[in-house]
Amino acid sequence: MDASRWSTERVFLYRHPVDMRKGAAGLCALVVLELGRNPADRSLYAFTNRGRDKLKLLVWHLNGYWVLYKRLEKQRFSWPDWFEGESLELSQAQLDYLLDGYNLNGMRPHKSVSFARAF
């Protein structure tokens, strides 16, 4: 498969646990009804179960959906805890870190600082 045709524009993590029996149609329904987004918009959507040991990714590719599934044998995905809504947008690098087992809670960006005057 040509990787350039597979590239996604945005990555969204869904906040709530999902029944991992859901397939493409059920995950698409969550994207539309809960997130108000178009599941075929070239974004990648990530979902986890309550135990956070399973992860499903949903993405549109050319003429159909890919549903990718990963199950961890002894560990858990470290779902970020700084959500402000039903989903959280991640960079591709952050998604890679999440899939590789990094704890994204420690990778929070610094808060913005502003000053009225320099001195």
Protein backbone atom coordinates (compact mmCIF):
# COMPACT_ATOMS: atom_id res chain seq x y z
CA MET A 1 0.00 0.00 0.00
CA ASP A 2 1.25 3.51 -0.81
CA ALA A 3 1.82 5.21 2.57
CA SER A 4 1.21 8.69 1.15
CA ARG A 5 -2.38 7.71 0.29
CA TRP A 6 -2.87 6.39 3.84
CA SER A 7 -1.73 9.56 5.64
CA THR A 8 -4.17 11.20 8.00
CA GLU A 9 -4.65 14.87 8.60
CA ARG A 10 -5.68 14.78 12.26
CA VAL A 11 -5.79 12.30 15.14
CA PHE A 12 -8.61 12.29 17.70
CA LEU A 13 -8.84 10.22 20.89
CA TYR A 14 -12.36 9.49 22.08
CA ARG A 15 -12.68 10.17 25.80
CA HIS A 16 -15.01 7.42 27.00
CA PRO A 17 -14.50 3.65 27.07
CA VAL A 18 -15.98 1.81 24.09
CA ASP A 19 -17.31 -1.71 23.69
CA MET A 20 -14.56 -3.38 21.65
CA ARG A 21 -17.12 -5.52 19.83
CA LYS A 22 -17.97 -2.42 17.75
CA GLY A 23 -16.88 -2.60 14.14
CA ALA A 24 -16.50 0.15 11.56
CA ALA A 25 -20.23 1.01 11.51
CA GLY A 26 -20.47 1.32 15.30
CA LEU A 27 -17.30 3.40 15.55
CA CYS A 28 -18.49 5.64 12.70
CA ALA A 29 -21.74 6.19 14.59
CA LEU A 30 -19.75 7.34 17.65
CA VAL A 31 -17.73 9.76 15.52
CA VAL A 32 -20.91 11.26 14.02
CA LEU A 33 -23.22 11.24 17.05
CA GLU A 34 -20.74 11.94 19.88
CA LEU A 35 -18.07 14.01 18.17
CA GLY A 36 -20.13 15.66 15.43
CA ARG A 37 -17.46 14.86 12.86
CA ASN A 38 -17.39 13.11 9.50
CA PRO A 39 -15.60 9.75 9.94
CA ALA A 40 -14.44 9.85 6.30
CA ASP A 41 -12.65 13.20 6.71
CA ARG A 42 -9.11 11.71 6.51
CA SER A 43 -8.77 11.89 10.30
CA LEU A 44 -7.83 8.94 12.45
CA TYR A 45 -10.05 8.17 15.45
CA ALA A 46 -8.77 6.17 18.45
CA PHE A 47 -10.96 4.32 20.95
CA THR A 48 -10.12 2.30 24.06
CA ASN A 49 -11.97 -0.09 26.34
CA ARG A 50 -12.62 0.40 30.06
CA GLY A 51 -9.51 -1.57 31.08
CA ARG A 52 -7.35 0.39 28.61
CA ASP A 53 -5.64 -2.76 27.41
CA LYS A 54 -7.32 -2.65 23.99
CA LEU A 55 -7.26 0.04 21.34
CA LYS A 56 -9.11 0.44 18.03
CA LEU A 57 -8.22 2.93 15.33
CA LEU A 58 -10.68 3.98 12.64
CA VAL A 59 -9.57 5.71 9.45
CA TRP A 60 -10.99 6.16 5.95
CA HIS A 61 -8.77 5.00 3.10
CA LEU A 62 -9.77 5.64 -0.53
CA ASN A 63 -12.98 3.61 -0.67
CA GLY A 64 -13.50 2.09 2.75
CA TYR A 65 -12.64 2.07 6.44
CA TRP A 66 -9.66 0.50 8.12
CA VAL A 67 -10.22 -0.69 11.68
CA LEU A 68 -6.96 -1.51 13.40
CA TYR A 69 -6.94 -3.31 16.74
CA LYS A 70 -4.20 -3.68 19.33
CA ARG A 71 -4.44 -5.70 22.52
CA LEU A 72 -1.79 -5.38 25.20
CA GLU A 73 -0.94 -8.56 27.05
CA LYS A 74 0.22 -7.21 30.42
CA GLN A 75 0.14 -3.42 30.34
CA ARG A 76 -2.36 -0.62 29.80
CA PHE A 77 -2.48 2.33 27.46
CA SER A 78 -1.81 5.55 29.34
CA TRP A 79 -4.76 7.60 28.17
CA PRO A 80 -4.12 11.33 28.60
CA ASP A 81 -6.02 12.89 31.49
CA TRP A 82 -6.08 16.48 30.23
CA PHE A 83 -9.22 16.10 28.13
CA GLU A 84 -11.48 19.11 27.68
CA GLY A 85 -14.46 17.64 25.88
CA GLU A 86 -15.45 14.39 24.20
CA SER A 87 -12.19 14.02 22.29
CA LEU A 88 -8.60 15.14 22.34
CA GLU A 89 -6.58 15.98 19.25
CA LEU A 90 -3.08 14.53 19.16
CA SER A 91 -0.18 14.94 16.81
CA GLN A 92 0.97 11.92 14.81
CA ALA A 93 4.05 11.74 17.05
CA GLN A 94 1.89 11.65 20.19
CA LEU A 95 -0.18 8.83 18.71
CA ASP A 96 3.03 6.94 17.95
CA TYR A 97 4.15 7.46 21.58
CA LEU A 98 0.77 6.20 22.84
CA LEU A 99 0.94 3.09 20.65
CA ASP A 100 4.54 2.47 21.77
CA GLY A 101 3.49 2.57 25.44
CA TYR A 102 4.58 6.00 26.57
CA ASN A 103 2.60 7.75 29.27
CA LEU A 104 1.33 10.91 27.59
CA ASN A 105 0.41 12.50 30.93
CA GLY A 106 4.08 13.31 31.50
CA MET A 107 4.41 14.81 28.02
CA ARG A 108 2.07 17.70 28.60
CA PRO A 109 3.19 20.91 26.93
CA HIS A 110 4.17 23.85 29.09
CA LYS A 111 1.44 26.34 29.85
CA SER A 112 1.50 29.61 27.96
CA VAL A 113 2.96 32.54 29.85
CA SER A 114 2.39 36.18 29.02
CA PHE A 115 3.70 39.37 30.60
CA ALA A 116 2.31 42.88 30.65
CA ARG A 117 5.87 44.22 30.76
CA ALA A 118 9.31 42.67 30.37
CA PHE A 119 10.77 44.53 33.41
